[in-house]
């Protein structure tokens, strides 16, 4: 399995409290449409490398490290999805996204928690700057076990991805070994762009490497995703049509995943202008890396830009 991914440039965008780090894959010509790729709750911008590789050149591709993660780990709180939506609006301002771009549109793509951020930004802080919206295995309300608190729900959904925040590793080989045992991520750890994504998460010096994710940011953001009704209601007030691409398997490679046809039918997304498409033989993580996931996401981005 090989990558055809251009090397991005890291940029800094002034936001409340400091600079937001983002990866930038430039377009080949001026005036190209913009694709902004928003990662999940414990991820970082490099999670999008394979999708960026499919869009770069044709699009101006931007992928921020969200506040409290990756190279933006040093940005202070308050955390929460409103803060991420404001940071996303600042990123769009930096690249001149506005309501007058016409067919040269701005498409915001969010994965997992990033889909909730993308929807919130499109419905609010960046309403006049978003011309298309693609949600990847996130955005609509997630199933919740009765009586569970935020910490228990996050542990149930994230498992090892959450456990690693309290762990240290002697070297990158140990980081690889940890992820190789993950049922959904393990088969991908030696793909170069995925290995780069896992390495971007790591900070510190051997023998005490650790995740750059700020635990409090993860907890606050997770509470917003699971329990903040205003965040969940953003999908009912979108200014543009949206596409939800969903994986057939979940965060532990289990079936069903976060969504299935029955659950999506219950959520009633069609009246809100949200089309749903299954991406076969993918899990919550591999939908960003498998060829069928990359193709589905890049096709949805092109459709959204053309309709912008």
C-alpha atoms as a PDB file:
ATOM      1  CA  UNK A   1       0.000   0.000   0.000  1.00  0.00           C
ATOM      2  CA  UNK A   2       1.588   3.284  -1.085  1.00  0.00           C
ATOM      3  CA  UNK A   3       0.886   6.973  -0.598  1.00  0.00           C
ATOM      4  CA  UNK A   4       0.730   9.644  -3.277  1.00  0.00           C
ATOM      5  CA  UNK A   5       0.752  12.557  -0.875  1.00  0.00           C
ATOM      6  CA  UNK A   6       2.414  15.917  -1.386  1.00  0.00           C
ATOM      7  CA  UNK A   7       4.319  17.294   1.588  1.00  0.00           C
ATOM      8  CA  UNK A   8       2.274  20.044   3.249  1.00  0.00           C
ATOM      9  CA  UNK A   9       3.533  23.350   4.607  1.00  0.00           C
ATOM     10  CA  UNK A  10       2.695  24.176   8.215  1.00  0.00           C
ATOM     11  CA  UNK A  11       1.218  27.641   8.679  1.00  0.00           C
ATOM     12  CA  UNK A  12       0.166  29.672  11.721  1.00  0.00           C
ATOM     13  CA  UNK A  13      -3.141  31.532  11.923  1.00  0.00           C
ATOM     14  CA  UNK A  14      -3.747  34.107  14.678  1.00  0.00           C
ATOM     15  CA  UNK A  15      -6.692  33.109  16.893  1.00  0.00           C
ATOM     16  CA  UNK A  16      -7.837  33.880  20.405  1.00  0.00           C
ATOM     17  CA  UNK A  17      -4.943  33.096  22.753  1.00  0.00           C
ATOM     18  CA  UNK A  18      -2.196  32.511  20.171  1.00  0.00           C
ATOM     19  CA  UNK A  19      -1.626  30.820  16.834  1.00  0.00           C
ATOM     20  CA  UNK A  20      -3.565  27.915  15.364  1.00  0.00           C
ATOM     21  CA  UNK A  21      -1.320  25.500  13.453  1.00  0.00           C
ATOM     22  CA  UNK A  22      -2.601  24.150  10.138  1.00  0.00           C
ATOM     23  CA  UNK A  23      -1.208  22.073   7.297  1.00  0.00           C
ATOM     24  CA  UNK A  24      -1.513  23.626   3.844  1.00  0.00           C
ATOM     25  CA  UNK A  25      -1.431  21.783   0.550  1.00  0.00           C
ATOM     26  CA  UNK A  26      -1.425  24.595  -2.056  1.00  0.00           C
ATOM     27  CA  UNK A  27      -3.482  24.704  -5.229  1.00  0.00           C
ATOM     28  CA  UNK A  28      -1.817  24.738  -8.626  1.00  0.00           C
ATOM     29  CA  UNK A  29      -3.568  27.932  -9.733  1.00  0.00           C
ATOM     30  CA  UNK A  30      -4.917  31.116  -8.102  1.00  0.00           C
ATOM     31  CA  UNK A  31      -8.600  31.253  -7.288  1.00  0.00           C
ATOM     32  CA  UNK A  32      -8.977  27.508  -6.775  1.00  0.00           C
ATOM     33  CA  UNK A  33     -11.739  26.321  -4.442  1.00  0.00           C
ATOM     34  CA  UNK A  34     -10.830  25.799  -0.801  1.00  0.00           C
ATOM     35  CA  UNK A  35     -11.227  22.531   1.096  1.00  0.00           C
ATOM     36  CA  UNK A  36     -10.899  22.737   4.881  1.00  0.00           C
ATOM     37  CA  UNK A  37     -10.470  19.366   6.609  1.00  0.00           C
ATOM     38  CA  UNK A  38     -11.353  19.175  10.317  1.00  0.00           C
ATOM     39  CA  UNK A  39     -10.107  16.185  12.331  1.00  0.00           C
ATOM     40  CA  UNK A  40     -11.594  14.186  15.198  1.00  0.00           C
ATOM     41  CA  UNK A  41     -11.472  14.460  18.969  1.00  0.00           C
ATOM     42  CA  UNK A  42      -7.991  12.985  19.686  1.00  0.00           C
ATOM     43  CA  UNK A  43      -6.584  13.272  16.154  1.00  0.00           C
ATOM     44  CA  UNK A  44      -4.509  15.863  14.300  1.00  0.00           C
ATOM     45  CA  UNK A  45      -4.272  17.397  10.836  1.00  0.00           C
ATOM     46  CA  UNK A  46      -2.186  14.559   9.348  1.00  0.00           C
ATOM     47  CA  UNK A  47      -5.171  12.211   9.654  1.00  0.00           C
ATOM     48  CA  UNK A  48      -6.264  13.825   6.370  1.00  0.00           C
ATOM     49  CA  UNK A  49      -3.051  13.290   4.397  1.00  0.00           C
ATOM     50  CA  UNK A  50      -4.461  10.745   1.955  1.00  0.00           C
ATOM     51  CA  UNK A  51      -7.588  12.812   1.281  1.00  0.00           C
ATOM     52  CA  UNK A  52      -5.431  15.915   0.900  1.00  0.00           C
ATOM     53  CA  UNK A  53      -3.321  14.025  -1.617  1.00  0.00           C
ATOM     54  CA  UNK A  54      -6.431  13.381  -3.710  1.00  0.00           C
ATOM     55  CA  UNK A  55      -7.492  17.052  -3.637  1.00  0.00           C
ATOM     56  CA  UNK A  56      -4.220  19.013  -3.539  1.00  0.00           C
ATOM     57  CA  UNK A  57      -3.458  21.025  -6.652  1.00  0.00           C
ATOM     58  CA  UNK A  58      -7.101  21.091  -7.669  1.00  0.00           C
ATOM     59  CA  UNK A  59      -8.066  22.649  -4.301  1.00  0.00           C
ATOM     60  CA  UNK A  60      -6.396  24.891  -1.743  1.00  0.00           C
ATOM     61  CA  UNK A  61      -6.368  22.290   1.048  1.00  0.00           C
ATOM     62  CA  UNK A  62      -6.157  23.336   4.698  1.00  0.00           C
ATOM     63  CA  UNK A  63      -6.182  21.020   7.708  1.00  0.00           C
ATOM     64  CA  UNK A  64      -5.917  22.632  11.155  1.00  0.00           C
ATOM     65  CA  UNK A  65      -4.617  21.020  14.304  1.00  0.00           C
ATOM     66  CA  UNK A  66      -7.560  21.844  16.541  1.00  0.00           C
ATOM     67  CA  UNK A  67      -6.989  23.748  19.779  1.00  0.00           C
ATOM     68  CA  UNK A  68      -5.494  21.363  22.347  1.00  0.00           C
ATOM     69  CA  UNK A  69      -4.075  18.914  19.766  1.00  0.00           C
ATOM     70  CA  UNK A  70      -0.951  18.453  17.662  1.00  0.00           C
ATOM     71  CA  UNK A  71       0.964  21.658  17.005  1.00  0.00           C
ATOM     72  CA  UNK A  72      -1.975  23.653  18.438  1.00  0.00           C
ATOM     73  CA  UNK A  73      -1.740  21.881  21.807  1.00  0.00           C
ATOM     74  CA  UNK A  74      -0.376  25.036  23.434  1.00  0.00           C
ATOM     75  CA  UNK A  75      -3.473  27.114  22.668  1.00  0.00           C
ATOM     76  CA  UNK A  76      -5.299  27.751  25.943  1.00  0.00           C
ATOM     77  CA  UNK A  77      -8.904  27.083  26.845  1.00  0.00           C
ATOM     78  CA  UNK A  78     -11.707  27.621  27.143  1.00  0.00           C
ATOM     79  CA  UNK A  79     -12.217  24.574  24.943  1.00  0.00           C
ATOM     80  CA  UNK A  80     -15.458  23.399  23.420  1.00  0.00           C
ATOM     81  CA  UNK A  81     -16.878  23.280  19.927  1.00  0.00           C
ATOM     82  CA  UNK A  82     -17.688  27.006  19.877  1.00  0.00           C
ATOM     83  CA  UNK A  83     -13.974  27.729  20.287  1.00  0.00           C
ATOM     84  CA  UNK A  84     -13.119  25.378  17.407  1.00  0.00           C
ATOM     85  CA  UNK A  85     -15.800  26.965  15.204  1.00  0.00           C
ATOM     86  CA  UNK A  86     -14.348  30.415  15.928  1.00  0.00           C
ATOM     87  CA  UNK A  87     -10.848  29.145  15.098  1.00  0.00           C
ATOM     88  CA  UNK A  88     -12.191  27.675  11.854  1.00  0.00           C
ATOM     89  CA  UNK A  89     -13.740  31.026  10.934  1.00  0.00           C
ATOM     90  CA  UNK A  90     -10.367  32.701  11.534  1.00  0.00           C
ATOM     91  CA  UNK A  91      -8.699  30.174   9.233  1.00  0.00           C
ATOM     92  CA  UNK A  92     -11.267  30.894   6.516  1.00  0.00           C
ATOM     93  CA  UNK A  93     -10.712  34.637   6.963  1.00  0.00           C
ATOM     94  CA  UNK A  94      -6.972  34.105   6.541  1.00  0.00           C
ATOM     95  CA  UNK A  95      -7.558  32.478   3.150  1.00  0.00           C
ATOM     96  CA  UNK A  96     -10.148  34.925   1.882  1.00  0.00           C
ATOM     97  CA  UNK A  97     -13.144  32.624   1.903  1.00  0.00           C
ATOM     98  CA  UNK A  98     -16.276  34.722   1.465  1.00  0.00           C
ATOM     99  CA  UNK A  99     -19.768  34.619   0.073  1.00  0.00           C
ATOM    100  CA  UNK A 100     -18.679  35.988  -3.321  1.00  0.00           C
ATOM    101  CA  UNK A 101     -16.412  33.190  -4.458  1.00  0.00           C
ATOM    102  CA  UNK A 102     -19.194  31.656  -6.557  1.00  0.00           C
ATOM    103  CA  UNK A 103     -18.222  28.344  -8.161  1.00  0.00           C
ATOM    104  CA  UNK A 104     -14.755  28.764  -6.652  1.00  0.00           C
ATOM    105  CA  UNK A 105     -16.247  27.717  -3.367  1.00  0.00           C
ATOM    106  CA  UNK A 106     -15.213  26.774   0.145  1.00  0.00           C
ATOM    107  CA  UNK A 107     -16.067  23.248   1.257  1.00  0.00           C
ATOM    108  CA  UNK A 108     -15.675  22.278   4.912  1.00  0.00           C
ATOM    109  CA  UNK A 109     -15.155  18.596   5.649  1.00  0.00           C
ATOM    110  CA  UNK A 110     -15.288  17.191   9.164  1.00  0.00           C
ATOM    111  CA  UNK A 111     -14.523  13.726  10.514  1.00  0.00           C
ATOM    112  CA  UNK A 112     -15.965  12.414  13.782  1.00  0.00           C
ATOM    113  CA  UNK A 113     -15.957  15.349  16.246  1.00  0.00           C
ATOM    114  CA  UNK A 114     -14.694  17.509  13.390  1.00  0.00           C
ATOM    115  CA  UNK A 115     -18.023  16.941  11.637  1.00  0.00           C
ATOM    116  CA  UNK A 116     -19.823  18.526  14.593  1.00  0.00           C
ATOM    117  CA  UNK A 117     -17.378  21.459  14.464  1.00  0.00           C
ATOM    118  CA  UNK A 118     -17.904  21.821  10.710  1.00  0.00           C
ATOM    119  CA  UNK A 119     -21.694  21.849  11.074  1.00  0.00           C
ATOM    120  CA  UNK A 120     -21.566  24.349  13.945  1.00  0.00           C
ATOM    121  CA  UNK A 121     -19.289  26.670  11.947  1.00  0.00           C
ATOM    122  CA  UNK A 122     -21.458  26.383   8.828  1.00  0.00           C
ATOM    123  CA  UNK A 123     -24.606  27.171  10.810  1.00  0.00           C
ATOM    124  CA  UNK A 124     -23.006  30.018  12.783  1.00  0.00           C
ATOM    125  CA  UNK A 125     -19.603  31.694  12.862  1.00  0.00           C
ATOM    126  CA  UNK A 126     -18.688  30.934   9.221  1.00  0.00           C
ATOM    127  CA  UNK A 127     -22.208  30.864   7.785  1.00  0.00           C
ATOM    128  CA  UNK A 128     -21.441  33.258   4.900  1.00  0.00           C
ATOM    129  CA  UNK A 129     -18.140  31.577   4.074  1.00  0.00           C
ATOM    130  CA  UNK A 130     -19.161  27.925   3.674  1.00  0.00           C
ATOM    131  CA  UNK A 131     -20.520  26.813   0.314  1.00  0.00           C
ATOM    132  CA  UNK A 132     -20.465  23.063   0.861  1.00  0.00           C
ATOM    133  CA  UNK A 133     -20.367  20.665   3.805  1.00  0.00           C
ATOM    134  CA  UNK A 134     -19.181  17.051   3.950  1.00  0.00           C
ATOM    135  CA  UNK A 135     -19.609  15.097   7.188  1.00  0.00           C
ATOM    136  CA  UNK A 136     -17.507  11.950   7.595  1.00  0.00           C
ATOM    137  CA  UNK A 137     -18.786   9.460  10.186  1.00  0.00           C
ATOM    138  CA  UNK A 138     -19.918  12.238  12.493  1.00  0.00           C
ATOM    139  CA  UNK A 139     -22.279  15.174  12.837  1.00  0.00           C
ATOM    140  CA  UNK A 140     -25.657  13.595  13.678  1.00  0.00           C
ATOM    141  CA  UNK A 141     -26.269  12.663  17.317  1.00  0.00           C
ATOM    142  CA  UNK A 142     -24.366   9.602  18.512  1.00  0.00           C
ATOM    143  CA  UNK A 143     -26.029   6.703  20.363  1.00  0.00           C
ATOM    144  CA  UNK A 144     -25.795   7.094  24.132  1.00  0.00           C
ATOM    145  CA  UNK A 145     -26.095   4.379  26.773  1.00  0.00           C
ATOM    146  CA  UNK A 146     -28.687   5.351  29.402  1.00  0.00           C
ATOM    147  CA  UNK A 147     -27.376   6.813  32.636  1.00  0.00           C
ATOM    148  CA  UNK A 148     -23.724   7.089  31.565  1.00  0.00           C
ATOM    149  CA  UNK A 149     -21.709  10.232  32.322  1.00  0.00           C
ATOM    150  CA  UNK A 150     -19.438  11.994  29.827  1.00  0.00           C
ATOM    151  CA  UNK A 151     -16.277  10.184  30.936  1.00  0.00           C
ATOM    152  CA  UNK A 152     -17.919   6.767  30.694  1.00  0.00           C
ATOM    153  CA  UNK A 153     -19.384   7.554  27.275  1.00  0.00           C
ATOM    154  CA  UNK A 154     -16.057   8.801  25.926  1.00  0.00           C
ATOM    155  CA  UNK A 155     -14.301   5.709  27.258  1.00  0.00           C
ATOM    156  CA  UNK A 156     -16.898   3.479  25.600  1.00  0.00           C
ATOM    157  CA  UNK A 157     -16.545   5.194  22.225  1.00  0.00           C
ATOM    158  CA  UNK A 158     -12.787   5.884  22.171  1.00  0.00           C
ATOM    159  CA  UNK A 159     -11.205   3.090  24.221  1.00  0.00           C
ATOM    160  CA  UNK A 160      -7.439   2.917  23.530  1.00  0.00           C
ATOM    161  CA  UNK A 161      -7.440   6.294  21.764  1.00  0.00           C
ATOM    162  CA  UNK A 162      -8.470   7.841  25.088  1.00  0.00           C
ATOM    163  CA  UNK A 163      -6.309   5.566  27.265  1.00  0.00           C
ATOM    164  CA  UNK A 164      -3.125   6.749  25.554  1.00  0.00           C
ATOM    165  CA  UNK A 165      -3.582  10.295  26.881  1.00  0.00           C
ATOM    166  CA  UNK A 166      -2.403   9.143  30.314  1.00  0.00           C
ATOM    167  CA  UNK A 167       0.443   6.971  28.984  1.00  0.00           C
ATOM    168  CA  UNK A 168       4.114   7.562  28.189  1.00  0.00           C
ATOM    169  CA  UNK A 169       6.207   5.726  25.600  1.00  0.00           C
ATOM    170  CA  UNK A 170       9.970   5.136  25.527  1.00  0.00           C
ATOM    171  CA  UNK A 171      10.246   5.740  21.772  1.00  0.00           C
ATOM    172  CA  UNK A 172       8.294   5.899  18.502  1.00  0.00           C
ATOM    173  CA  UNK A 173       8.600   2.136  18.098  1.00  0.00           C
ATOM    174  CA  UNK A 174       6.549   1.746  21.275  1.00  0.00           C
ATOM    175  CA  UNK A 175       3.974   4.199  19.917  1.00  0.00           C
ATOM    176  CA  UNK A 176       3.729   2.084  16.762  1.00  0.00           C
ATOM    177  CA  UNK A 177       3.380  -1.076  18.830  1.00  0.00           C
ATOM    178  CA  UNK A 178       0.554   0.466  20.855  1.00  0.00           C
ATOM    179  CA  UNK A 179      -1.413   1.419  17.740  1.00  0.00           C
ATOM    180  CA  UNK A 180      -0.661  -1.875  15.996  1.00  0.00           C
ATOM    181  CA  UNK A 181      -2.842  -3.594  18.608  1.00  0.00           C
ATOM    182  CA  UNK A 182      -5.779  -1.273  17.931  1.00  0.00           C
ATOM    183  CA  UNK A 183      -8.413  -3.288  16.024  1.00  0.00           C
ATOM    184  CA  UNK A 184      -9.342  -0.425  13.689  1.00  0.00           C
ATOM    185  CA  UNK A 185      -5.993   1.374  13.275  1.00  0.00           C
ATOM    186  CA  UNK A 186      -3.588  -1.569  13.526  1.00  0.00           C
ATOM    187  CA  UNK A 187      -3.654  -2.650   9.848  1.00  0.00           C
ATOM    188  CA  UNK A 188      -2.642   0.875   8.794  1.00  0.00           C
ATOM    189  CA  UNK A 189       0.286   1.717  11.080  1.00  0.00           C
ATOM    190  CA  UNK A 190       2.969   1.105   8.450  1.00  0.00           C
ATOM    191  CA  UNK A 191       1.332   3.204   5.722  1.00  0.00           C
ATOM    192  CA  UNK A 192       3.691   6.222   5.591  1.00  0.00           C
ATOM    193  CA  UNK A 193       1.028   8.936   5.871  1.00  0.00           C
ATOM    194  CA  UNK A 194      -0.683   7.112   8.756  1.00  0.00           C
ATOM    195  CA  UNK A 195       2.655   6.628  10.504  1.00  0.00           C
ATOM    196  CA  UNK A 196       3.239  10.383  10.088  1.00  0.00           C
ATOM    197  CA  UNK A 197      -0.201  11.052  11.584  1.00  0.00           C
ATOM    198  CA  UNK A 198       0.585   8.891  14.622  1.00  0.00           C
ATOM    199  CA  UNK A 199       3.997  10.539  15.020  1.00  0.00           C
ATOM    200  CA  UNK A 200       2.481  14.055  14.823  1.00  0.00           C
ATOM    201  CA  UNK A 201       0.451  13.234  17.926  1.00  0.00           C
ATOM    202  CA  UNK A 202       3.595  12.612  19.970  1.00  0.00           C
ATOM    203  CA  UNK A 203       5.410  15.230  22.021  1.00  0.00           C
ATOM    204  CA  UNK A 204       8.190  15.198  24.621  1.00  0.00           C
ATOM    205  CA  UNK A 205      11.521  13.382  24.610  1.00  0.00           C
ATOM    206  CA  UNK A 206      12.409   9.685  25.002  1.00  0.00           C
ATOM    207  CA  UNK A 207      11.904   7.828  27.244  1.00  0.00           C
ATOM    208  CA  UNK A 208       8.793   9.857  28.133  1.00  0.00           C
ATOM    209  CA  UNK A 209       6.979  10.496  24.857  1.00  0.00           C
ATOM    210  CA  UNK A 210       3.269  11.233  25.267  1.00  0.00           C
ATOM    211  CA  UNK A 211       0.259  12.362  23.288  1.00  0.00           C
ATOM    212  CA  UNK A 212       0.031  16.086  22.627  1.00  0.00           C
ATOM    213  CA  UNK A 213      -3.757  15.981  23.184  1.00  0.00           C
ATOM    214  CA  UNK A 214      -4.812  18.000  26.229  1.00  0.00           C
ATOM    215  CA  UNK A 215      -7.092  15.728  28.301  1.00  0.00           C
ATOM    216  CA  UNK A 216      -9.274  18.613  29.457  1.00  0.00           C
ATOM    217  CA  UNK A 217      -9.823  19.686  25.838  1.00  0.00           C
ATOM    218  CA  UNK A 218     -10.919  16.158  24.950  1.00  0.00           C
ATOM    219  CA  UNK A 219     -13.292  15.982  27.900  1.00  0.00           C
ATOM    220  CA  UNK A 220     -14.903  19.399  27.306  1.00  0.00           C
ATOM    221  CA  UNK A 221     -15.217  18.821  23.570  1.00  0.00           C
ATOM    222  CA  UNK A 222     -16.611  15.340  24.135  1.00  0.00           C
ATOM    223  CA  UNK A 223     -19.256  16.735  26.452  1.00  0.00           C
ATOM    224  CA  UNK A 224     -20.314  19.161  23.714  1.00  0.00           C
ATOM    225  CA  UNK A 225     -20.549  16.379  21.131  1.00  0.00           C
ATOM    226  CA  UNK A 226     -22.576  14.113  23.375  1.00  0.00           C
ATOM    227  CA  UNK A 227     -24.746  16.458  25.409  1.00  0.00           C
ATOM    228  CA  UNK A 228     -24.875  20.007  24.014  1.00  0.00           C
ATOM    229  CA  UNK A 229     -28.278  20.308  22.366  1.00  0.00           C
ATOM    230  CA  UNK A 230     -27.325  23.510  20.547  1.00  0.00           C
ATOM    231  CA  UNK A 231     -24.422  21.719  18.871  1.00  0.00           C
ATOM    232  CA  UNK A 232     -26.684  18.857  17.818  1.00  0.00           C
ATOM    233  CA  UNK A 233     -29.311  21.297  16.519  1.00  0.00           C
ATOM    234  CA  UNK A 234     -26.810  22.942  14.157  1.00  0.00           C
ATOM    235  CA  UNK A 235     -27.719  20.306  11.557  1.00  0.00           C
ATOM    236  CA  UNK A 236     -31.251  21.674  11.407  1.00  0.00           C
ATOM    237  CA  UNK A 237     -30.045  25.149  10.374  1.00  0.00           C
ATOM    238  CA  UNK A 238     -27.461  24.560   7.690  1.00  0.00           C
ATOM    239  CA  UNK A 239     -27.214  27.225   4.958  1.00  0.00           C
ATOM    240  CA  UNK A 240     -26.106  24.674   2.352  1.00  0.00           C
ATOM    241  CA  UNK A 241     -26.875  21.027   1.519  1.00  0.00           C
ATOM    242  CA  UNK A 242     -24.606  18.509   3.207  1.00  0.00           C
ATOM    243  CA  UNK A 243     -23.419  14.969   2.558  1.00  0.00           C
ATOM    244  CA  UNK A 244     -22.867  12.450   5.342  1.00  0.00           C
ATOM    245  CA  UNK A 245     -20.492   9.601   4.476  1.00  0.00           C
ATOM    246  CA  UNK A 246     -20.705   6.795   7.030  1.00  0.00           C
ATOM    247  CA  UNK A 247     -18.480   3.828   7.755  1.00  0.00           C
ATOM    248  CA  UNK A 248     -19.937   0.350   8.016  1.00  0.00           C
ATOM    249  CA  UNK A 249     -17.804  -0.454  11.075  1.00  0.00           C
ATOM    250  CA  UNK A 250     -17.035   1.486  14.239  1.00  0.00           C
ATOM    251  CA  UNK A 251     -14.163   2.730  16.392  1.00  0.00           C
ATOM    252  CA  UNK A 252     -13.141  -0.841  17.295  1.00  0.00           C
ATOM    253  CA  UNK A 253     -13.792  -2.184  13.771  1.00  0.00           C
ATOM    254  CA  UNK A 254     -17.097  -3.569  15.036  1.00  0.00           C
ATOM    255  CA  UNK A 255     -20.418  -3.852  13.201  1.00  0.00           C
ATOM    256  CA  UNK A 256     -22.524  -1.800  13.253  1.00  0.00           C
ATOM    257  CA  UNK A 257     -20.545   1.406  13.427  1.00  0.00           C
ATOM    258  CA  UNK A 258     -21.651   4.774  14.784  1.00  0.00           C
ATOM    259  CA  UNK A 259     -24.385   4.920  12.146  1.00  0.00           C
ATOM    260  CA  UNK A 260     -26.361   2.434  10.078  1.00  0.00           C
ATOM    261  CA  UNK A 261     -29.349   2.679   7.765  1.00  0.00           C
ATOM    262  CA  UNK A 262     -31.868   2.106  10.564  1.00  0.00           C
ATOM    263  CA  UNK A 263     -30.337   4.723  12.876  1.00  0.00           C
ATOM    264  CA  UNK A 264     -30.017   7.287  10.088  1.00  0.00           C
ATOM    265  CA  UNK A 265     -33.658   6.756   9.114  1.00  0.00           C
ATOM    266  CA  UNK A 266     -34.655   7.459  12.726  1.00  0.00           C
ATOM    267  CA  UNK A 267     -32.616  10.688  12.756  1.00  0.00           C
ATOM    268  CA  UNK A 268     -34.610  12.096   9.831  1.00  0.00           C
ATOM    269  CA  UNK A 269     -31.764  13.922   8.098  1.00  0.00           C
ATOM    270  CA  UNK A 270     -33.342  14.316   4.672  1.00  0.00           C
ATOM    271  CA  UNK A 271     -35.600  17.271   5.608  1.00  0.00           C
ATOM    272  CA  UNK A 272     -32.464  19.115   6.792  1.00  0.00           C
ATOM    273  CA  UNK A 273     -30.896  18.724   3.347  1.00  0.00           C
ATOM    274  CA  UNK A 274     -28.421  16.034   4.371  1.00  0.00           C
ATOM    275  CA  UNK A 275     -27.821  13.199   1.917  1.00  0.00           C
ATOM    276  CA  UNK A 276     -26.330   9.993   3.363  1.00  0.00           C
ATOM    277  CA  UNK A 277     -23.980   7.548   1.666  1.00  0.00           C
ATOM    278  CA  UNK A 278     -22.463   4.354   3.009  1.00  0.00           C
ATOM    279  CA  UNK A 279     -18.752   3.804   2.393  1.00  0.00           C
ATOM    280  CA  UNK A 280     -18.465  -0.005   2.305  1.00  0.00           C
ATOM    281  CA  UNK A 281     -15.755  -1.979   4.079  1.00  0.00           C
ATOM    282  CA  UNK A 282     -14.440   0.937   6.149  1.00  0.00           C
ATOM    283  CA  UNK A 283     -14.289   1.602   9.869  1.00  0.00           C
ATOM    284  CA  UNK A 284     -14.380   4.906  11.737  1.00  0.00           C
ATOM    285  CA  UNK A 285     -10.663   5.475  11.087  1.00  0.00           C
ATOM    286  CA  UNK A 286     -10.031   3.774   7.765  1.00  0.00           C
ATOM    287  CA  UNK A 287     -12.757   5.784   6.038  1.00  0.00           C
ATOM    288  CA  UNK A 288     -10.028   8.467   5.813  1.00  0.00           C
ATOM    289  CA  UNK A 289      -7.350   6.092   4.505  1.00  0.00           C
ATOM    290  CA  UNK A 290      -8.873   3.265   2.461  1.00  0.00           C
ATOM    291  CA  UNK A 291      -9.058   3.926  -1.274  1.00  0.00           C
ATOM    292  CA  UNK A 292     -12.865   3.736  -1.282  1.00  0.00           C
ATOM    293  CA  UNK A 293     -13.029   6.241   1.577  1.00  0.00           C
ATOM    294  CA  UNK A 294     -10.606   8.673  -0.049  1.00  0.00           C
ATOM    295  CA  UNK A 295     -12.512   8.412  -3.329  1.00  0.00           C
ATOM    296  CA  UNK A 296     -15.896   8.934  -1.647  1.00  0.00           C
ATOM    297  CA  UNK A 297     -14.709  11.965   0.327  1.00  0.00           C
ATOM    298  CA  UNK A 298     -12.912  13.622  -2.579  1.00  0.00           C
ATOM    299  CA  UNK A 299     -15.929  13.026  -4.869  1.00  0.00           C
ATOM    300  CA  UNK A 300     -18.267  14.589  -2.290  1.00  0.00           C
ATOM    301  CA  UNK A 301     -15.945  17.597  -1.944  1.00  0.00           C
ATOM    302  CA  UNK A 302     -15.882  18.110  -5.728  1.00  0.00           C
ATOM    303  CA  UNK A 303     -19.671  17.843  -5.916  1.00  0.00           C
ATOM    304  CA  UNK A 304     -20.085  20.348  -3.094  1.00  0.00           C
ATOM    305  CA  UNK A 305     -17.661  22.795  -4.716  1.00  0.00           C
ATOM    306  CA  UNK A 306     -19.383  22.514  -8.085  1.00  0.00           C
ATOM    307  CA  UNK A 307     -22.749  23.183  -6.469  1.00  0.00           C
ATOM    308  CA  UNK A 308     -21.447  26.029  -4.312  1.00  0.00           C
END
